[in-house]
Amino acid sequence: MAGTRVLLALNNGALSVYNLKRQVTEFQTEMGHFETVFGVEYCRSNKDLLASCSYDGTVRIWDSNDMKLVQVNDTNFNSVQAK
């Protein structure tokens, strides 16, 4: 069944992958962002990476295999929130 997984942005700044067919959370990140997450997308050239962006001014890159944070890109030029 195609499209059985949903990528969710949670209100605590974490990301989660939910399997609709099995009705279970497959994995979830630690808290990441400090504000509302408004976008999440897999990398087209490397499906092991996904990016999330937030009103906290950061774009965070995650390893989708273990949902560990790989990189933080601060669009607010080194804001305190990104540290």
PDB file of N, CA and C in Angstrom:
ATOM      1  N   MET A   1       0.852  -1.187   0.000  1.00  0.00           N
ATOM      2  CA  MET A   1       0.000   0.000   0.000  1.00  0.00           C
ATOM      3  C   MET A   1       0.888   1.237   0.000  1.00  0.00           C
ATOM      4  N   ALA A   2       0.807   2.040  -1.027  1.00  0.00           N
ATOM      5  CA  ALA A   2       1.607   3.259  -1.132  1.00  0.00           C
ATOM      6  C   ALA A   2       1.056   4.328  -0.210  1.00  0.00           C
ATOM      7  N   GLY A   3       1.952   5.172   0.288  1.00  0.00           N
ATOM      8  CA  GLY A   3       1.527   6.283   1.122  1.00  0.00           C
ATOM      9  C   GLY A   3       1.014   5.874   2.482  1.00  0.00           C
ATOM     10  N   THR A   4       1.635   4.870   3.085  1.00  0.00           N
ATOM     11  CA  THR A   4       1.145   4.400   4.383  1.00  0.00           C
ATOM     12  C   THR A   4       1.749   5.156   5.554  1.00  0.00           C
ATOM     13  N   ARG A   5       2.737   6.016   5.283  1.00  0.00           N
ATOM     14  CA  ARG A   5       3.385   6.754   6.367  1.00  0.00           C
ATOM     15  C   ARG A   5       3.068   8.239   6.268  1.00  0.00           C
ATOM     16  N   VAL A   6       2.908   8.848   7.443  1.00  0.00           N
ATOM     17  CA  VAL A   6       2.652  10.280   7.533  1.00  0.00           C
ATOM     18  C   VAL A   6       3.742  10.886   8.391  1.00  0.00           C
ATOM     19  N   LEU A   7       4.327  11.962   7.914  1.00  0.00           N
ATOM     20  CA  LEU A   7       5.337  12.695   8.667  1.00  0.00           C
ATOM     21  C   LEU A   7       4.634  13.823   9.396  1.00  0.00           C
ATOM     22  N   LEU A   8       4.783  13.862  10.725  1.00  0.00           N
ATOM     23  CA  LEU A   8       4.076  14.835  11.558  1.00  0.00           C
ATOM     24  C   LEU A   8       5.038  15.788  12.235  1.00  0.00           C
ATOM     25  N   ALA A   9       4.644  17.031  12.338  1.00  0.00           N
ATOM     26  CA  ALA A   9       5.362  18.025  13.136  1.00  0.00           C
ATOM     27  C   ALA A   9       4.555  18.214  14.417  1.00  0.00           C
ATOM     28  N   LEU A  10       5.171  17.959  15.560  1.00  0.00           N
ATOM     29  CA  LEU A  10       4.469  18.023  16.845  1.00  0.00           C
ATOM     30  C   LEU A  10       4.636  19.387  17.496  1.00  0.00           C
ATOM     31  N   ASN A  11       3.722  19.729  18.397  1.00  0.00           N
ATOM     32  CA  ASN A  11       3.762  21.072  19.000  1.00  0.00           C
ATOM     33  C   ASN A  11       4.921  21.278  19.963  1.00  0.00           C
ATOM     34  N   ASN A  12       5.667  20.240  20.308  1.00  0.00           N
ATOM     35  CA  ASN A  12       6.855  20.424  21.150  1.00  0.00           C
ATOM     36  C   ASN A  12       8.125  20.587  20.315  1.00  0.00           C
ATOM     37  N   GLY A  13       7.971  20.705  18.981  1.00  0.00           N
ATOM     38  CA  GLY A  13       9.113  20.897  18.105  1.00  0.00           C
ATOM     39  C   GLY A  13       9.714  19.613  17.582  1.00  0.00           C
ATOM     40  N   ALA A  14       9.174  18.476  17.963  1.00  0.00           N
ATOM     41  CA  ALA A  14       9.671  17.185  17.493  1.00  0.00           C
ATOM     42  C   ALA A  14       8.975  16.794  16.190  1.00  0.00           C
ATOM     43  N   LEU A  15       9.547  15.816  15.512  1.00  0.00           N
ATOM     44  CA  LEU A  15       8.954  15.237  14.312  1.00  0.00           C
ATOM     45  C   LEU A  15       8.667  13.774  14.582  1.00  0.00           C
ATOM     46  N   SER A  16       7.635  13.253  13.936  1.00  0.00           N
ATOM     47  CA  SER A  16       7.244  11.872  14.143  1.00  0.00           C
ATOM     48  C   SER A  16       6.790  11.268  12.820  1.00  0.00           C
ATOM     49  N   VAL A  17       7.038   9.978  12.650  1.00  0.00           N
ATOM     50  CA  VAL A  17       6.534   9.246  11.487  1.00  0.00           C
ATOM     51  C   VAL A  17       5.525   8.231  11.999  1.00  0.00           C
ATOM     52  N   TYR A  18       4.308   8.332  11.461  1.00  0.00           N
ATOM     53  CA  TYR A  18       3.218   7.444  11.868  1.00  0.00           C
ATOM     54  C   TYR A  18       2.851   6.539  10.700  1.00  0.00           C
ATOM     55  N   ASN A  19       2.776   5.239  10.956  1.00  0.00           N
ATOM     56  CA  ASN A  19       2.407   4.257   9.952  1.00  0.00           C
ATOM     57  C   ASN A  19       0.894   4.049  10.012  1.00  0.00           C
ATOM     58  N   LEU A  20       0.187   4.510   8.969  1.00  0.00           N
ATOM     59  CA  LEU A  20      -1.275   4.432   8.937  1.00  0.00           C
ATOM     60  C   LEU A  20      -1.773   2.990   8.864  1.00  0.00           C
ATOM     61  N   LYS A  21      -1.080   2.158   8.115  1.00  0.00           N
ATOM     62  CA  LYS A  21      -1.512   0.768   7.944  1.00  0.00           C
ATOM     63  C   LYS A  21      -1.400  -0.007   9.259  1.00  0.00           C
ATOM     64  N   ARG A  22      -0.260   0.149   9.941  1.00  0.00           N
ATOM     65  CA  ARG A  22      -0.030  -0.578  11.191  1.00  0.00           C
ATOM     66  C   ARG A  22      -0.558   0.174  12.419  1.00  0.00           C
ATOM     67  N   GLN A  23      -0.899   1.455  12.256  1.00  0.00           N
ATOM     68  CA  GLN A  23      -1.414   2.316  13.319  1.00  0.00           C
ATOM     69  C   GLN A  23      -0.451   2.421  14.502  1.00  0.00           C
ATOM     70  N   VAL A  24       0.816   2.685  14.158  1.00  0.00           N
ATOM     71  CA  VAL A  24       1.844   2.855  15.185  1.00  0.00           C
ATOM     72  C   VAL A  24       2.764   4.008  14.799  1.00  0.00           C
ATOM     73  N   THR A  25       3.355   4.631  15.809  1.00  0.00           N
ATOM     74  CA  THR A  25       4.407   5.607  15.585  1.00  0.00           C
ATOM     75  C   THR A  25       5.691   4.828  15.372  1.00  0.00           C
ATOM     76  N   GLU A  26       6.296   4.986  14.211  1.00  0.00           N
ATOM     77  CA  GLU A  26       7.512   4.235  13.902  1.00  0.00           C
ATOM     78  C   GLU A  26       8.735   4.851  14.559  1.00  0.00           C
ATOM     79  N   PHE A  27       8.817   6.159  14.553  1.00  0.00           N
ATOM     80  CA  PHE A  27       9.903   6.823  15.265  1.00  0.00           C
ATOM     81  C   PHE A  27       9.576   8.296  15.460  1.00  0.00           C
ATOM     82  N   GLN A  28      10.288   8.878  16.397  1.00  0.00           N
ATOM     83  CA  GLN A  28      10.069  10.277  16.734  1.00  0.00           C
ATOM     84  C   GLN A  28      11.400  10.896  17.137  1.00  0.00           C
ATOM     85  N   THR A  29      11.602  12.157  16.754  1.00  0.00           N
ATOM     86  CA  THR A  29      12.822  12.864  17.111  1.00  0.00           C
ATOM     87  C   THR A  29      12.724  13.389  18.530  1.00  0.00           C
ATOM     88  N   GLU A  30      13.868  13.823  19.031  1.00  0.00           N
ATOM     89  CA  GLU A  30      13.855  14.595  20.264  1.00  0.00           C
ATOM     90  C   GLU A  30      13.283  15.971  19.922  1.00  0.00           C
ATOM     91  N   MET A  31      13.011  16.777  20.952  1.00  0.00           N
ATOM     92  CA  MET A  31      12.530  18.123  20.693  1.00  0.00           C
ATOM     93  C   MET A  31      13.537  18.829  19.803  1.00  0.00           C
ATOM     94  N   GLY A  32      13.068  19.497  18.782  1.00  0.00           N
ATOM     95  CA  GLY A  32      13.982  20.145  17.856  1.00  0.00           C
ATOM     96  C   GLY A  32      13.807  21.645  17.812  1.00  0.00           C
ATOM     97  N   HIS A  33      12.671  22.078  17.375  1.00  0.00           N
ATOM     98  CA  HIS A  33      12.411  23.503  17.201  1.00  0.00           C
ATOM     99  C   HIS A  33      11.834  24.116  18.475  1.00  0.00           C
ATOM    100  N   PHE A  34      11.946  25.439  18.554  1.00  0.00           N
ATOM    101  CA  PHE A  34      11.430  26.173  19.704  1.00  0.00           C
ATOM    102  C   PHE A  34      10.109  26.875  19.401  1.00  0.00           C
ATOM    103  N   GLU A  35       9.704  26.854  18.148  1.00  0.00           N
ATOM    104  CA  GLU A  35       8.460  27.480  17.700  1.00  0.00           C
ATOM    105  C   GLU A  35       7.729  26.516  16.776  1.00  0.00           C
ATOM    106  N   THR A  36       6.614  26.953  16.248  1.00  0.00           N
ATOM    107  CA  THR A  36       5.791  26.152  15.365  1.00  0.00           C
ATOM    108  C   THR A  36       6.571  25.710  14.123  1.00  0.00           C
ATOM    109  N   VAL A  37       6.471  24.423  13.802  1.00  0.00           N
ATOM    110  CA  VAL A  37       7.061  23.878  12.579  1.00  0.00           C
ATOM    111  C   VAL A  37       6.043  24.091  11.468  1.00  0.00           C
ATOM    112  N   PHE A  38       6.466  24.730  10.371  1.00  0.00           N
ATOM    113  CA  PHE A  38       5.519  24.994   9.290  1.00  0.00           C
ATOM    114  C   PHE A  38       5.841  24.250   8.001  1.00  0.00           C
ATOM    115  N   GLY A  39       6.902  23.466   7.997  1.00  0.00           N
ATOM    116  CA  GLY A  39       7.196  22.680   6.812  1.00  0.00           C
ATOM    117  C   GLY A  39       8.144  21.539   7.103  1.00  0.00           C
ATOM    118  N   VAL A  40       7.892  20.409   6.458  1.00  0.00           N
ATOM    119  CA  VAL A  40       8.744  19.225   6.573  1.00  0.00           C
ATOM    120  C   VAL A  40       8.785  18.571   5.202  1.00  0.00           C
ATOM    121  N   GLU A  41       9.990  18.216   4.748  1.00  0.00           N
ATOM    122  CA  GLU A  41      10.091  17.593   3.428  1.00  0.00           C
ATOM    123  C   GLU A  41      11.329  16.713   3.352  1.00  0.00           C
ATOM    124  N   TYR A  42      11.169  15.566   2.666  1.00  0.00           N
ATOM    125  CA  TYR A  42      12.310  14.689   2.406  1.00  0.00           C
ATOM    126  C   TYR A  42      13.181  15.300   1.317  1.00  0.00           C
ATOM    127  N   CYS A  43      14.475  15.026   1.392  1.00  0.00           N
ATOM    128  CA  CYS A  43      15.430  15.460   0.379  1.00  0.00           C
ATOM    129  C   CYS A  43      15.214  14.625  -0.874  1.00  0.00           C
ATOM    130  N   ARG A  44      15.089  15.267  -2.025  1.00  0.00           N
ATOM    131  CA  ARG A  44      14.840  14.536  -3.272  1.00  0.00           C
ATOM    132  C   ARG A  44      16.033  13.715  -3.713  1.00  0.00           C
ATOM    133  N   SER A  45      17.243  14.184  -3.399  1.00  0.00           N
ATOM    134  CA  SER A  45      18.441  13.468  -3.851  1.00  0.00           C
ATOM    135  C   SER A  45      18.957  12.456  -2.835  1.00  0.00           C
ATOM    136  N   ASN A  46      18.454  12.518  -1.588  1.00  0.00           N
ATOM    137  CA  ASN A  46      18.889  11.588  -0.552  1.00  0.00           C
ATOM    138  C   ASN A  46      17.719  11.341   0.398  1.00  0.00           C
ATOM    139  N   LYS A  47      16.992  10.266   0.180  1.00  0.00           N
ATOM    140  CA  LYS A  47      15.784   9.972   0.959  1.00  0.00           C
ATOM    141  C   LYS A  47      16.066   9.662   2.427  1.00  0.00           C
ATOM    142  N   ASP A  48      17.343   9.558   2.804  1.00  0.00           N
ATOM    143  CA  ASP A  48      17.689   9.355   4.210  1.00  0.00           C
ATOM    144  C   ASP A  48      17.648  10.669   4.995  1.00  0.00           C
ATOM    145  N   LEU A  49      17.530  11.790   4.299  1.00  0.00           N
ATOM    146  CA  LEU A  49      17.522  13.094   4.966  1.00  0.00           C
ATOM    147  C   LEU A  49      16.173  13.774   4.799  1.00  0.00           C
ATOM    148  N   LEU A  50      15.763  14.477   5.839  1.00  0.00           N
ATOM    149  CA  LEU A  50      14.581  15.305   5.731  1.00  0.00           C
ATOM    150  C   LEU A  50      14.863  16.627   6.427  1.00  0.00           C
ATOM    151  N   ALA A  51      14.152  17.652   6.014  1.00  0.00           N
ATOM    152  CA  ALA A  51      14.342  18.986   6.567  1.00  0.00           C
ATOM    153  C   ALA A  51      13.043  19.460   7.187  1.00  0.00           C
ATOM    154  N   SER A  52      13.172  20.198   8.281  1.00  0.00           N
ATOM    155  CA  SER A  52      12.024  20.839   8.898  1.00  0.00           C
ATOM    156  C   SER A  52      12.364  22.309   9.087  1.00  0.00           C
ATOM    157  N   CYS A  53      11.361  23.161   8.899  1.00  0.00           N
ATOM    158  CA  CYS A  53      11.589  24.589   9.089  1.00  0.00           C
ATOM    159  C   CYS A  53      10.528  25.126  10.044  1.00  0.00           C
ATOM    160  N   SER A  54      10.914  26.172  10.768  1.00  0.00           N
ATOM    161  CA  SER A  54      10.095  26.639  11.863  1.00  0.00           C
ATOM    162  C   SER A  54      10.152  28.153  11.981  1.00  0.00           C
ATOM    163  N   TYR A  55       9.168  28.691  12.683  1.00  0.00           N
ATOM    164  CA  TYR A  55       9.154  30.118  12.994  1.00  0.00           C
ATOM    165  C   TYR A  55      10.287  30.507  13.938  1.00  0.00           C
ATOM    166  N   ASP A  56      11.027  29.539  14.475  1.00  0.00           N
ATOM    167  CA  ASP A  56      12.189  29.890  15.306  1.00  0.00           C
ATOM    168  C   ASP A  56      13.371  30.345  14.462  1.00  0.00           C
ATOM    169  N   GLY A  57      13.210  30.324  13.132  1.00  0.00           N
ATOM    170  CA  GLY A  57      14.249  30.815  12.239  1.00  0.00           C
ATOM    171  C   GLY A  57      15.284  29.778  11.857  1.00  0.00           C
ATOM    172  N   THR A  58      15.007  28.510  12.134  1.00  0.00           N
ATOM    173  CA  THR A  58      15.971  27.469  11.789  1.00  0.00           C
ATOM    174  C   THR A  58      15.372  26.476  10.804  1.00  0.00           C
ATOM    175  N   VAL A  59      16.266  25.908  10.001  1.00  0.00           N
ATOM    176  CA  VAL A  59      15.961  24.748   9.175  1.00  0.00           C
ATOM    177  C   VAL A  59      16.827  23.633   9.741  1.00  0.00           C
ATOM    178  N   ARG A  60      16.205  22.548  10.151  1.00  0.00           N
ATOM    179  CA  ARG A  60      16.926  21.435  10.775  1.00  0.00           C
ATOM    180  C   ARG A  60      16.910  20.242   9.838  1.00  0.00           C
ATOM    181  N   ILE A  61      18.076  19.631   9.691  1.00  0.00           N
ATOM    182  CA  ILE A  61      18.233  18.459   8.829  1.00  0.00           C
ATOM    183  C   ILE A  61      18.316  17.228   9.729  1.00  0.00           C
ATOM    184  N   TRP A  62      17.511  16.232   9.420  1.00  0.00           N
ATOM    185  CA  TRP A  62      17.403  15.015  10.235  1.00  0.00           C
ATOM    186  C   TRP A  62      17.779  13.806   9.395  1.00  0.00           C
ATOM    187  N   ASP A  63      18.409  12.815  10.033  1.00  0.00           N
ATOM    188  CA  ASP A  63      18.653  11.507   9.422  1.00  0.00           C
ATOM    189  C   ASP A  63      17.385  10.691   9.650  1.00  0.00           C
ATOM    190  N   SER A  64      16.690  10.340   8.582  1.00  0.00           N
ATOM    191  CA  SER A  64      15.404   9.659   8.734  1.00  0.00           C
ATOM    192  C   SER A  64      15.536   8.206   9.174  1.00  0.00           C
ATOM    193  N   ASN A  65      16.737   7.652   9.152  1.00  0.00           N
ATOM    194  CA  ASN A  65      16.925   6.275   9.623  1.00  0.00           C
ATOM    195  C   ASN A  65      16.806   6.168  11.128  1.00  0.00           C
ATOM    196  N   ASP A  66      17.367   7.137  11.852  1.00  0.00           N
ATOM    197  CA  ASP A  66      17.308   7.095  13.317  1.00  0.00           C
ATOM    198  C   ASP A  66      16.723   8.372  13.921  1.00  0.00           C
ATOM    199  N   MET A  67      16.276   9.309  13.064  1.00  0.00           N
ATOM    200  CA  MET A  67      15.655  10.578  13.457  1.00  0.00           C
ATOM    201  C   MET A  67      16.563  11.414  14.360  1.00  0.00           C
ATOM    202  N   LYS A  68      17.848  11.345  14.112  1.00  0.00           N
ATOM    203  CA  LYS A  68      18.816  12.161  14.837  1.00  0.00           C
ATOM    204  C   LYS A  68      19.065  13.449  14.069  1.00  0.00           C
ATOM    205  N   LEU A  69      19.277  14.523  14.807  1.00  0.00           N
ATOM    206  CA  LEU A  69      19.564  15.815  14.221  1.00  0.00           C
ATOM    207  C   LEU A  69      20.957  15.805  13.610  1.00  0.00           C
ATOM    208  N   VAL A  70      21.072  16.189  12.342  1.00  0.00           N
ATOM    209  CA  VAL A  70      22.338  16.196  11.624  1.00  0.00           C
ATOM    210  C   VAL A  70      22.915  17.604  11.561  1.00  0.00           C
ATOM    211  N   GLN A  71      22.053  18.594  11.314  1.00  0.00           N
ATOM    212  CA  GLN A  71      22.539  19.948  11.095  1.00  0.00           C
ATOM    213  C   GLN A  71      21.443  20.958  11.412  1.00  0.00           C
ATOM    214  N   VAL A  72      21.859  22.135  11.902  1.00  0.00           N
ATOM    215  CA  VAL A  72      20.944  23.252  12.117  1.00  0.00           C
ATOM    216  C   VAL A  72      21.421  24.413  11.255  1.00  0.00           C
ATOM    217  N   ASN A  73      20.542  24.897  10.411  1.00  0.00           N
ATOM    218  CA  ASN A  73      20.824  26.077   9.593  1.00  0.00           C
ATOM    219  C   ASN A  73      20.021  27.230  10.168  1.00  0.00           C
ATOM    220  N   ASP A  74      20.717  28.241  10.649  1.00  0.00           N
ATOM    221  CA  ASP A  74      20.080  29.369  11.313  1.00  0.00           C
ATOM    222  C   ASP A  74      19.826  30.481  10.302  1.00  0.00           C
ATOM    223  N   THR A  75      18.571  30.744   9.996  1.00  0.00           N
ATOM    224  CA  THR A  75      18.235  31.814   9.061  1.00  0.00           C
ATOM    225  C   THR A  75      18.142  33.174   9.751  1.00  0.00           C
ATOM    226  N   ASN A  76      18.291  33.179  11.065  1.00  0.00           N
ATOM    227  CA  ASN A  76      18.266  34.441  11.832  1.00  0.00           C
ATOM    228  C   ASN A  76      19.665  34.915  12.161  1.00  0.00           C
ATOM    229  N   PHE A  77      20.661  34.424  11.419  1.00  0.00           N
ATOM    230  CA  PHE A  77      22.047  34.866  11.605  1.00  0.00           C
ATOM    231  C   PHE A  77      22.515  34.701  13.045  1.00  0.00           C
ATOM    232  N   ASN A  78      22.586  33.438  13.465  1.00  0.00           N
ATOM    233  CA  ASN A  78      23.111  33.057  14.779  1.00  0.00           C
ATOM    234  C   ASN A  78      22.224  33.528  15.928  1.00  0.00           C
ATOM    235  N   SER A  79      20.936  33.345  15.809  1.00  0.00           N
ATOM    236  CA  SER A  79      20.030  33.697  16.904  1.00  0.00           C
ATOM    237  C   SER A  79      20.254  32.793  18.092  1.00  0.00           C
ATOM    238  N   VAL A  80      19.845  33.243  19.250  1.00  0.00           N
ATOM    239  CA  VAL A  80      19.965  32.461  20.485  1.00  0.00           C
ATOM    240  C   VAL A  80      19.165  31.182  20.375  1.00  0.00           C
ATOM    241  N   GLN A  81      18.029  31.215  19.661  1.00  0.00           N
ATOM    242  CA  GLN A  81      17.161  30.051  19.531  1.00  0.00           C
ATOM    243  C   GLN A  81      17.838  28.880  18.833  1.00  0.00           C
ATOM    244  N   ALA A  82      18.757  29.155  17.952  1.00  0.00           N
ATOM    245  CA  ALA A  82      19.411  28.088  17.194  1.00  0.00           C
ATOM    246  C   ALA A  82      20.509  27.398  17.965  1.00  0.00           C
ATOM    247  N   LYS A  83      20.919  27.938  19.064  1.00  0.00           N
ATOM    248  CA  LYS A  83      22.015  27.383  19.852  1.00  0.00           C
ATOM    249  C   LYS A  83      21.540  26.236  20.700  1.00  0.00           C
TER     250      LYS A  83
END
